[in-house]
Protein backbone atom coordinates (compact mmCIF):
# COMPACT_ATOMS: atom_id res chain seq x y z
CA MET A 1 -76.37 -15.96 34.21
CA ALA A 2 -76.84 -12.44 35.55
CA GLU A 3 -77.86 -9.87 32.97
CA GLU A 4 -74.96 -7.62 32.04
CA LYS A 5 -75.53 -4.02 33.08
CA VAL A 6 -75.62 -1.67 30.10
CA ASN A 7 -73.75 1.61 30.37
CA LEU A 8 -76.15 3.89 28.54
CA GLN A 9 -73.59 6.66 28.28
CA THR A 10 -71.49 4.40 26.06
CA GLU A 11 -74.22 2.41 24.34
CA ASP A 12 -76.96 5.02 23.75
CA PHE A 13 -75.78 8.52 24.56
CA SER A 14 -79.02 10.31 23.66
CA LYS A 15 -81.05 7.95 25.85
CA TRP A 16 -78.55 8.44 28.68
CA TYR A 17 -78.85 12.21 28.32
CA LEU A 18 -82.65 12.24 28.41
CA GLN A 19 -82.72 9.85 31.35
CA SER A 20 -80.16 11.94 33.24
CA ILE A 21 -81.94 15.27 32.88
CA GLN A 22 -85.26 13.65 33.83
CA GLN A 23 -83.79 12.02 36.97
CA ALA A 24 -82.22 15.34 37.97
CA ASP A 25 -85.69 16.92 37.73
CA LEU A 26 -84.54 19.72 35.44
CA PHE A 27 -87.38 19.97 32.93
CA ALA A 28 -90.76 18.81 31.67
CA TYR A 29 -92.00 18.65 28.10
CA GLY A 30 -94.18 21.57 27.00
CA PRO A 31 -97.61 21.12 25.37
CA VAL A 32 -96.30 22.26 21.95
CA ARG A 33 -93.91 20.00 20.05
CA GLY A 34 -90.30 20.91 20.68
CA THR A 35 -90.94 23.10 23.72
CA MET A 36 -89.88 22.50 27.31
CA VAL A 37 -90.66 23.75 30.80
CA PHE A 38 -87.74 24.72 33.02
CA LYS A 39 -88.39 23.17 36.44
CA PRO A 40 -86.81 24.90 39.48
CA ASN A 41 -83.52 22.96 39.34
CA GLY A 42 -83.20 23.55 35.60
CA PHE A 43 -83.96 27.25 35.83
CA ALA A 44 -81.51 27.57 38.75
CA LEU A 45 -78.77 26.47 36.32
CA TRP A 46 -79.70 29.23 33.88
CA LYS A 47 -79.89 31.78 36.71
CA LYS A 48 -76.28 30.96 37.64
CA VAL A 49 -75.22 31.76 34.07
CA GLN A 50 -77.30 34.93 34.03
CA ASP A 51 -75.91 36.26 37.30
CA TYR A 52 -72.29 35.54 36.39
CA PHE A 53 -72.44 36.93 32.86
CA GLU A 54 -74.54 39.96 33.78
CA ALA A 55 -71.91 40.99 36.33
CA LYS A 56 -69.13 40.65 33.74
CA ILE A 57 -70.80 42.69 30.99
CA THR A 58 -71.95 45.35 33.47
CA GLU A 59 -68.27 45.85 34.32
CA GLU A 60 -67.73 46.43 30.58
CA GLY A 61 -70.37 49.17 30.54
CA VAL A 62 -73.07 47.20 28.69
CA LYS A 63 -76.64 48.43 29.33
CA GLY A 64 -79.70 46.22 29.63
CA VAL A 65 -82.80 46.56 27.42
CA TYR A 66 -85.77 44.48 26.34
CA PHE A 67 -87.39 44.40 22.88
CA PRO A 68 -90.71 42.90 21.67
CA MET A 69 -90.71 39.35 20.33
CA LEU A 70 -92.83 40.23 17.25
CA ILE A 71 -90.86 41.37 14.19
CA PRO A 72 -92.51 42.78 11.01
CA LYS A 73 -91.75 40.78 7.89
CA HIS A 74 -90.32 43.78 6.04
CA PHE A 75 -87.56 44.11 8.69
CA PHE A 76 -86.09 40.79 7.55
CA GLU A 77 -86.31 41.77 3.91
CA LYS A 78 -83.96 44.70 4.47
CA GLU A 79 -80.96 42.36 4.91
CA ALA A 80 -81.06 39.68 2.21
CA ASP A 81 -78.54 37.23 3.70
CA HIS A 82 -80.23 37.49 7.09
CA VAL A 83 -83.72 36.61 5.86
CA GLU A 84 -82.36 33.79 3.68
CA GLY A 85 -80.46 32.32 6.64
CA PHE A 86 -83.45 32.28 8.97
CA ALA A 87 -86.39 31.74 6.58
CA PRO A 88 -86.71 27.95 7.10
CA GLU A 89 -86.87 28.33 10.90
CA LEU A 90 -89.24 31.32 11.22
CA PRO A 91 -92.67 30.85 12.84
CA TRP A 92 -95.15 33.52 11.66
CA VAL A 93 -98.16 35.19 13.26
CA THR A 94 -100.64 35.93 10.47
CA GLN A 95 -103.95 36.34 12.30
CA ALA A 96 -105.24 38.08 15.45
CA GLY A 97 -108.68 36.90 16.53
CA ASP A 98 -110.77 36.68 13.35
CA GLU A 99 -108.73 39.28 11.49
CA GLU A 100 -105.89 38.52 9.13
CA LEU A 101 -102.92 40.80 9.80
CA GLU A 102 -101.90 43.28 7.10
CA GLU A 103 -98.28 42.16 7.48
CA PRO A 104 -97.06 38.82 8.87
CA LEU A 105 -95.10 39.06 12.12
CA ALA A 106 -92.25 36.68 12.90
CA LEU A 107 -91.63 35.35 16.38
CA ARG A 108 -88.12 36.59 17.22
CA PRO A 109 -85.38 34.17 16.03
CA THR A 110 -82.76 36.82 16.91
CA SER A 111 -82.96 40.60 17.20
CA GLU A 112 -80.44 42.23 14.87
CA THR A 113 -83.27 43.76 12.84
CA LEU A 114 -85.07 45.14 15.90
CA PHE A 115 -81.91 46.64 17.35
CA GLY A 116 -80.92 48.00 13.95
CA ASN A 117 -84.25 49.78 13.57
CA ALA A 118 -83.98 51.26 17.08
CA MET A 119 -80.34 52.30 16.69
CA SER A 120 -81.20 54.22 13.53
CA ASP A 121 -83.30 56.49 15.80
CA TRP A 122 -81.08 56.45 18.88
CA ILE A 123 -77.72 57.15 17.22
CA ASN A 124 -77.15 60.60 15.72
CA SER A 125 -73.67 61.74 16.71
CA TYR A 126 -70.26 60.27 17.51
CA ARG A 127 -71.14 61.20 21.11
CA ASP A 128 -73.73 58.40 21.08
CA LEU A 129 -71.02 55.80 20.39
CA PRO A 130 -70.12 53.21 21.33
CA MET A 131 -73.59 51.84 22.09
CA GLU A 132 -73.47 48.42 23.77
CA LEU A 133 -76.80 46.84 24.72
CA ASN A 134 -77.89 43.43 26.00
CA GLN A 135 -81.20 41.67 26.49
CA TRP A 136 -82.21 38.40 28.14
CA ALA A 137 -85.03 36.95 26.08
CA ASN A 138 -86.76 33.95 24.57
CA VAL A 139 -86.35 33.18 20.88
CA PHE A 140 -88.02 30.81 18.42
CA ARG A 141 -86.58 28.50 15.77
CA TRP A 142 -88.91 25.92 14.24
CA GLU A 143 -86.56 22.98 14.70
CA LYS A 144 -87.42 19.68 13.04
CA ARG A 145 -85.37 17.58 15.49
CA THR A 146 -85.36 18.71 19.10
CA LEU A 147 -83.52 17.75 22.29
CA PRO A 148 -84.20 19.47 25.64
CA PHE A 149 -81.76 22.30 26.41
CA LEU A 150 -79.72 21.55 23.30
CA ARG A 151 -82.17 22.32 20.51
CA THR A 152 -85.78 23.39 21.14
CA THR A 153 -88.44 25.34 19.27
CA GLU A 154 -88.35 28.05 21.94
CA PHE A 155 -85.29 28.68 24.08
CA LEU A 156 -83.79 31.25 26.43
CA TRP A 157 -80.70 33.28 25.69
CA GLN A 158 -78.95 36.58 26.00
CA GLU A 159 -78.08 38.66 22.97
CA GLY A 160 -75.76 41.65 22.94
CA HIS A 161 -76.02 44.23 20.16
CA CYS A 162 -73.45 46.98 19.73
CA ALA A 163 -72.62 49.90 17.45
CA TYR A 164 -69.17 51.49 17.00
CA ALA A 165 -67.60 54.36 15.13
CA THR A 166 -64.88 52.24 13.51
CA ALA A 167 -64.44 48.72 12.20
CA GLU A 168 -61.31 48.34 14.32
CA GLU A 169 -63.17 49.04 17.56
CA GLY A 170 -66.05 46.80 16.47
CA ARG A 171 -63.77 43.84 15.75
CA GLU A 172 -61.83 44.37 18.98
CA ARG A 173 -64.99 44.40 21.11
CA THR A 174 -66.43 41.41 19.23
CA LEU A 175 -63.40 39.44 20.43
CA THR A 176 -63.60 40.99 23.91
CA PHE A 177 -67.04 39.48 24.44
CA LEU A 178 -65.90 36.15 22.98
CA GLU A 179 -63.16 36.11 25.63
CA ILE A 180 -65.70 36.86 28.39
CA TYR A 181 -67.69 33.85 27.18
CA ARG A 182 -64.59 31.67 27.19
CA GLU A 183 -63.68 32.69 30.73
CA MET A 184 -67.22 32.02 31.95
CA VAL A 185 -67.66 28.69 30.21
CA GLU A 186 -64.31 27.38 31.43
CA ASN A 187 -64.35 28.82 34.97
CA LEU A 188 -68.05 28.58 35.87
CA LEU A 189 -69.21 25.56 33.89
CA ALA A 190 -65.79 23.83 33.83
CA ILE A 191 -66.06 23.19 30.07
CA PRO A 192 -62.84 23.47 28.01
CA VAL A 193 -63.51 25.00 24.60
CA TYR A 194 -61.99 25.50 21.17
CA VAL A 195 -61.80 29.18 20.24
CA GLY A 196 -61.75 30.29 16.62
CA GLN A 197 -63.48 31.76 13.58
CA LYS A 198 -66.33 30.13 11.68
CA THR A 199 -65.99 29.43 7.97
CA GLU A 200 -67.92 31.50 5.45
CA SER A 201 -70.68 28.90 5.09
CA GLU A 202 -71.00 28.42 8.86
CA LYS A 203 -71.00 32.09 9.89
CA PHE A 204 -74.06 33.98 11.09
CA ALA A 205 -76.42 35.13 8.32
CA GLY A 206 -75.51 38.74 7.54
CA ALA A 207 -72.18 38.81 9.40
CA GLU A 208 -68.75 39.71 8.07
CA ALA A 209 -67.16 37.29 10.55
CA THR A 210 -68.41 34.91 13.23
CA TYR A 211 -66.23 33.70 16.11
CA SER A 212 -67.21 30.75 18.27
CA LEU A 213 -66.50 28.57 21.25
CA GLU A 214 -66.91 24.88 20.43
CA ALA A 215 -67.13 22.15 23.08
CA MET A 216 -66.48 18.42 22.79
CA VAL A 217 -68.99 16.37 24.81
CA LYS A 218 -68.65 12.76 25.91
CA ASP A 219 -69.82 11.17 22.67
CA THR A 220 -67.10 13.38 21.05
CA LYS A 221 -69.66 15.41 19.11
CA SER A 222 -69.42 19.18 19.05
CA VAL A 223 -71.78 21.71 20.57
CA GLN A 224 -71.46 25.38 19.67
CA ALA A 225 -71.22 26.95 23.11
CA ALA A 226 -71.21 30.67 22.28
CA THR A 227 -70.83 33.00 19.31
CA SER A 228 -69.73 36.58 18.70
CA HIS A 229 -70.37 38.21 15.32
CA PHE A 230 -68.81 41.23 13.65
CA LEU A 231 -71.50 42.55 11.32
CA GLY A 232 -69.54 45.38 9.69
CA THR A 233 -71.88 47.90 8.07
CA ASN A 234 -74.32 45.30 6.66
CA PHE A 235 -77.13 45.99 9.14
CA ALA A 236 -76.17 49.67 9.45
CA GLU A 237 -76.71 50.12 5.71
CA ALA A 238 -79.93 48.09 5.74
CA PHE A 239 -81.41 50.16 8.58
CA ASP A 240 -79.65 53.45 7.81
CA ILE A 241 -77.77 53.68 11.09
CA LYS A 242 -75.58 56.74 10.63
CA TYR A 243 -73.82 59.19 12.89
CA LEU A 244 -72.32 62.63 12.47
CA ASN A 245 -68.56 62.23 12.89
CA THR A 246 -65.99 64.80 14.04
CA GLU A 247 -65.48 65.87 10.40
CA ASN A 248 -69.18 66.77 10.25
CA GLU A 249 -69.93 63.85 7.90
CA HIS A 250 -72.80 61.37 8.17
CA VAL A 251 -71.29 57.84 8.05
CA HIS A 252 -72.52 54.33 8.86
CA VAL A 253 -71.72 52.70 12.19
CA HIS A 254 -70.16 49.25 12.49
CA THR A 255 -72.22 46.75 14.47
CA SER A 256 -71.72 43.46 16.29
CA SER A 257 -73.85 40.92 18.12
CA TRP A 258 -73.03 38.11 20.51
CA GLY A 259 -75.02 35.46 22.35
CA ILE A 260 -75.17 32.39 24.53
CA SER A 261 -78.23 30.22 25.13
CA THR A 262 -79.59 27.51 27.37
CA ARG A 263 -77.90 24.96 25.13
CA ILE A 264 -74.82 25.60 27.27
CA LEU A 265 -76.63 23.76 30.09
CA GLY A 266 -77.05 20.65 27.96
CA THR A 267 -73.42 20.97 26.94
CA MET A 268 -72.35 21.01 30.59
CA ILE A 269 -74.40 17.90 31.37
CA MET A 270 -72.99 16.07 28.33
CA THR A 271 -69.46 17.11 29.32
CA HIS A 272 -69.41 16.06 32.99
CA GLY A 273 -72.10 13.41 33.41
CA ASP A 274 -71.25 9.79 34.17
CA GLU A 275 -73.12 6.48 33.91
CA LYS A 276 -75.17 7.40 37.02
CA GLY A 277 -76.39 10.68 35.52
CA CYS A 278 -75.69 14.38 35.97
CA VAL A 279 -72.52 15.66 37.64
CA PHE A 280 -72.71 19.39 38.30
CA PRO A 281 -69.64 21.57 38.87
CA PRO A 282 -69.94 23.04 42.40
CA LYS A 283 -70.20 26.61 41.09
CA MET A 284 -73.18 25.62 38.90
CA ALA A 285 -75.03 23.07 41.04
CA PRO A 286 -78.64 24.02 41.91
CA ILE A 287 -78.14 22.05 45.14
CA GLN A 288 -74.51 21.99 46.23
CA ILE A 289 -74.74 19.86 49.38
CA ALA A 290 -77.06 16.98 50.31
CA LEU A 291 -77.40 16.23 54.03
CA ILE A 292 -78.53 12.70 54.88
CA PRO A 293 -79.19 11.34 58.38
CA ALA A 294 -78.05 7.76 58.98
CA GLY A 295 -79.93 5.26 61.11
CA ASN A 296 -83.44 5.52 62.52
CA ILE A 297 -84.15 9.23 62.98
CA LYS A 298 -87.33 8.52 64.96
CA LYS A 299 -85.27 6.70 67.58
CA ASN A 300 -82.50 9.30 67.41
CA PRO A 301 -84.19 12.69 66.92
CA GLN A 302 -81.06 14.41 68.22
CA VAL A 303 -79.25 13.31 65.03
CA LEU A 304 -81.71 15.19 62.84
CA GLU A 305 -81.59 18.18 65.16
CA LYS A 306 -77.80 18.34 64.95
CA LEU A 307 -77.90 17.87 61.18
CA ARG A 308 -80.21 20.88 60.90
CA GLU A 309 -77.63 22.89 62.84
CA ILE A 310 -74.94 21.76 60.39
CA GLU A 311 -77.20 22.71 57.48
CA ALA A 312 -77.74 26.18 58.94
CA GLU A 313 -73.96 26.70 59.16
CA LEU A 314 -73.50 25.60 55.54
CA LYS A 315 -76.29 27.91 54.36
CA ALA A 316 -74.78 30.81 56.29
CA ALA A 317 -71.52 30.12 54.44
CA GLY A 318 -73.37 30.58 51.13
CA TYR A 319 -74.08 26.98 50.06
CA THR A 320 -77.38 25.71 48.71
CA THR A 321 -78.45 22.59 50.60
CA GLU A 322 -81.06 19.85 50.72
CA LEU A 323 -81.69 17.83 53.89
CA ASP A 324 -83.44 14.53 53.19
CA ASP A 325 -85.48 13.70 56.30
CA SER A 326 -87.82 11.30 54.49
CA ASN A 327 -88.52 7.76 55.65
CA ASN A 328 -86.68 6.26 52.69
CA SER A 329 -83.63 4.07 53.22
CA ALA A 330 -80.16 5.62 53.33
CA GLY A 331 -79.28 3.83 50.10
CA TYR A 332 -82.27 5.35 48.34
CA LYS A 333 -81.32 8.81 49.60
CA PHE A 334 -77.72 8.36 48.46
CA ASN A 335 -78.92 7.42 44.98
CA GLU A 336 -81.28 10.41 44.84
CA ALA A 337 -78.41 12.77 45.68
CA GLU A 338 -76.26 11.18 42.97
CA VAL A 339 -78.81 11.33 40.13
CA LYS A 340 -79.47 14.98 41.02
CA GLY A 341 -75.76 15.64 40.42
CA ILE A 342 -75.26 17.16 43.89
CA PRO A 343 -71.50 17.77 44.28
CA LEU A 344 -71.09 16.93 47.98
CA ARG A 345 -72.95 14.61 50.35
CA VAL A 346 -72.86 14.87 54.14
CA GLU A 347 -73.82 11.72 56.08
CA PHE A 348 -74.44 11.94 59.82
CA GLY A 349 -75.57 9.29 62.31
CA PRO A 350 -75.52 8.45 66.05
CA ARG A 351 -71.89 7.29 66.00
CA ASP A 352 -70.85 10.45 64.15
CA MET A 353 -72.61 12.49 66.80
CA GLU A 354 -70.67 10.75 69.56
CA ASN A 355 -67.40 11.44 67.76
CA ASN A 356 -68.29 15.01 66.70
CA GLN A 357 -67.70 14.16 63.04
CA CYS A 358 -69.50 13.40 59.79
CA MET A 359 -68.80 11.53 56.59
CA ILE A 360 -68.60 13.36 53.27
CA LYS A 361 -68.54 12.06 49.72
CA MET A 362 -67.85 13.97 46.52
CA ARG A 363 -70.14 13.12 43.60
CA ASP A 364 -67.25 12.42 41.21
CA LEU A 365 -65.16 10.28 43.60
CA ASP A 366 -65.74 6.79 45.00
CA ASP A 367 -64.32 7.13 48.52
CA LYS A 368 -65.94 8.71 51.56
CA GLU A 369 -64.03 10.87 54.03
CA SER A 370 -64.41 11.37 57.78
CA VAL A 371 -64.37 15.05 58.77
CA ALA A 372 -64.44 16.65 62.22
CA LEU A 373 -67.44 18.96 62.53
CA ASP A 374 -65.18 21.77 63.71
CA ASP A 375 -63.32 21.56 60.38
CA LEU A 376 -66.33 20.99 58.13
CA LEU A 377 -66.65 24.46 56.58
CA ASP A 378 -62.96 24.62 55.68
CA VAL A 379 -62.97 21.08 54.28
CA VAL A 380 -66.12 21.69 52.24
CA ALA A 381 -64.66 24.86 50.69
CA ASP A 382 -61.44 23.02 49.83
CA ARG A 383 -63.16 19.94 48.37
CA MET A 384 -65.57 22.04 46.31
CA ASP A 385 -62.70 24.04 44.79
CA LYS A 386 -60.81 20.85 44.01
CA MET A 387 -63.85 19.25 42.39
CA GLN A 388 -64.42 22.31 40.19
CA THR A 389 -60.81 22.11 38.98
CA ARG A 390 -60.91 18.32 38.70
CA LEU A 391 -63.97 18.35 36.41
CA PHE A 392 -62.35 20.87 34.07
CA GLU A 393 -59.10 18.92 33.95
CA LYS A 394 -60.89 15.62 33.37
CA ALA A 395 -62.89 17.12 30.49
CA ASP A 396 -59.74 18.68 29.05
CA GLN A 397 -57.93 15.35 29.22
CA PHE A 398 -60.87 13.63 27.52
CA ARG A 399 -60.87 16.03 24.59
CA LYS A 400 -57.09 15.74 24.15
CA GLU A 401 -57.45 11.97 24.01
CA ASN A 402 -60.02 12.34 21.24
CA GLU A 403 -58.21 14.88 19.06
CA HIS A 404 -56.61 13.55 15.88
CA TYR A 405 -53.73 15.43 14.25
CA ASP A 406 -52.43 12.75 11.89
CA ILE A 407 -55.36 12.38 9.46
CA ASP A 408 -54.50 14.35 6.32
CA THR A 409 -56.47 12.73 3.47
CA MET A 410 -60.04 11.59 2.89
CA ALA A 411 -58.82 8.01 2.59
CA GLU A 412 -57.27 8.25 6.06
CA LEU A 413 -60.43 9.88 7.46
CA GLU A 414 -62.70 7.22 5.97
CA ALA A 415 -60.42 4.45 7.28
CA HIS A 416 -60.54 6.06 10.73
CA LEU A 417 -64.34 6.19 10.66
CA ALA A 418 -64.57 2.57 9.50
CA LYS A 419 -62.29 1.51 12.36
CA CYS A 420 -64.42 3.45 14.85
CA GLU A 421 -67.60 1.89 13.49
CA GLU A 422 -66.14 -1.60 13.84
CA SER A 423 -64.76 -1.09 17.35
CA GLY A 424 -67.50 1.14 18.79
CA GLN A 425 -64.94 3.86 19.40
CA ARG A 426 -66.02 7.51 19.19
CA PRO A 427 -64.64 9.29 16.11
CA GLY A 428 -63.42 12.42 17.95
CA TRP A 429 -62.28 15.61 16.23
CA ILE A 430 -59.95 15.96 13.26
CA LEU A 431 -57.56 18.88 12.84
CA ALA A 432 -57.38 19.24 9.08
CA GLY A 433 -56.18 21.42 6.26
CA TRP A 434 -58.82 23.13 4.13
CA ASP A 435 -58.40 24.87 0.78
CA GLY A 436 -61.02 27.47 1.68
CA THR A 437 -63.59 26.41 -0.93
CA GLU A 438 -67.21 25.71 -0.08
CA ALA A 439 -67.11 22.75 -2.49
CA SER A 440 -64.47 20.94 -0.42
CA GLU A 441 -66.27 21.77 2.83
CA GLU A 442 -69.57 20.43 1.51
CA ALA A 443 -67.93 17.30 0.07
CA ILE A 444 -66.38 16.44 3.45
CA LYS A 445 -69.77 16.82 5.11
CA GLU A 446 -71.51 14.73 2.46
CA ALA A 447 -68.98 11.89 2.71
CA THR A 448 -68.48 11.75 6.49
CA GLY A 449 -71.09 13.81 8.35
CA PHE A 450 -68.25 15.98 9.69
CA THR A 451 -68.65 19.76 9.54
CA THR A 452 -66.13 22.51 10.06
CA ARG A 453 -66.45 23.64 13.68
CA ASN A 454 -64.08 26.60 13.58
CA MET A 455 -60.67 27.73 12.42
CA PRO A 456 -58.68 27.86 15.68
CA PHE A 457 -56.82 31.07 16.46
CA GLU A 458 -53.80 29.06 17.62
CA PRO A 459 -53.84 25.56 16.06
CA ALA A 460 -51.54 23.03 17.69
CA VAL A 461 -50.43 22.02 14.19
CA LYS A 462 -50.65 24.15 11.07
CA LYS A 463 -51.84 21.95 8.20
CA GLU A 464 -50.27 22.42 4.75
CA THR A 465 -52.65 20.51 2.43
CA CYS A 466 -56.44 20.29 2.15
CA ILE A 467 -57.82 17.02 3.49
CA TYR A 468 -60.28 16.79 0.60
CA SER A 469 -58.67 18.30 -2.51
CA GLY A 470 -54.99 17.80 -1.71
CA LYS A 471 -54.40 21.43 -2.73
CA PRO A 472 -52.45 23.82 -0.51
CA ALA A 473 -54.43 24.56 2.64
CA LYS A 474 -55.50 28.15 3.20
CA TYR A 475 -56.78 27.35 6.68
CA THR A 476 -56.45 24.82 9.49
CA VAL A 477 -59.88 23.75 10.75
CA TRP A 478 -61.47 21.47 13.32
CA LEU A 479 -63.79 18.87 11.83
CA ALA A 480 -66.36 17.01 13.94
CA ARG A 481 -69.91 15.76 13.99
CA ALA A 482 -72.17 18.17 15.78
CA TYR A 483 -75.47 18.59 17.58
């Protein structure tokens, strides 16, 4: 009896993920536990995010800066909630050469304290406001359990830090940047997201309010895709950031911060990948088009020559390409293009040359298509656009199929989880009522492993009773297991 092929994506999602990102040649493990090296294809993904987002925030008037990664210990001690929130994850530098440092220095976990210290010097008058700054940087969190792209000891991100004259303007701009994230994540990475506010226990350490984008990946777990925090005057008071207002009074500014990291790349892979490996949306793909000669290219050198001409036309149209002129079999080359997640494959052989055509195949579809060479550029543009839309719609359909609106008690939730365990079904997300107490939130987590993801701005159903206590619900929340 033939051995049954195991679909790793269904049977062992973490193993499938690691195998997929290795086959796509995105990363290598670093020499220090929990670190990773971005290989060219992996860094190309991040560069796409950088270029897109940088253009958007530049339109908003945000200015770029860069701060040191070393932060004095006493900076953290100025904001009690902040230091308490990050203390378990902070790596410290305590020695330089043979000398012990007078004050320990933390490797940057985030930069609110650094920006706060600088803004206290840079902001003096209402004329200096608003101040909206952004940096692209690396940050450090000493994670106990790591997974490349998703959770690593050192990772790449951008962090915006802003100061405003009023709380109203600060809150409005906090949500403006959240919306820019949503537009980017959905339109560039083709990931549908849940938009809402974090609960008190899940918000950023030192914030008045944290807003997030949450994504459902293919094992139905949640990944926090982006966050935007309104910090009120907490950091302004800690770092004495004041300005002279129009009434000639010195008052504290209101600050915000917002960020997205390389975990969004892992989220994208977990959202769109299939049993063969990575599937990249055309707008994000490091290599958008693979060109593969069919037949014996030594006997038919004109085929390769013509294929290079086709590649030149595609490059001139703005596509990134890879022409595989190796001696490997066509089947091997096809598989290589698939595991690399390349959106579109062009196949071209002697018969195609006679007929002035080629064959194309989209990574997410089974069928091939014959295309006249004269029409190739138009067809490629059309098929790429359709694939970008198709991936978003497929992911959106998947999440809708795994949302649960009819689970209103812990007994119903536990019965649902038992049924999933028995059948191998993914548990999905639960839209639930919550009484607003940390005790109920913690009890749900303890009993089920589900955490509150966010309180959606526009819930499809407004829940009336708390899923745990049975008391009137103050909020409607999404519950899910998370990375």
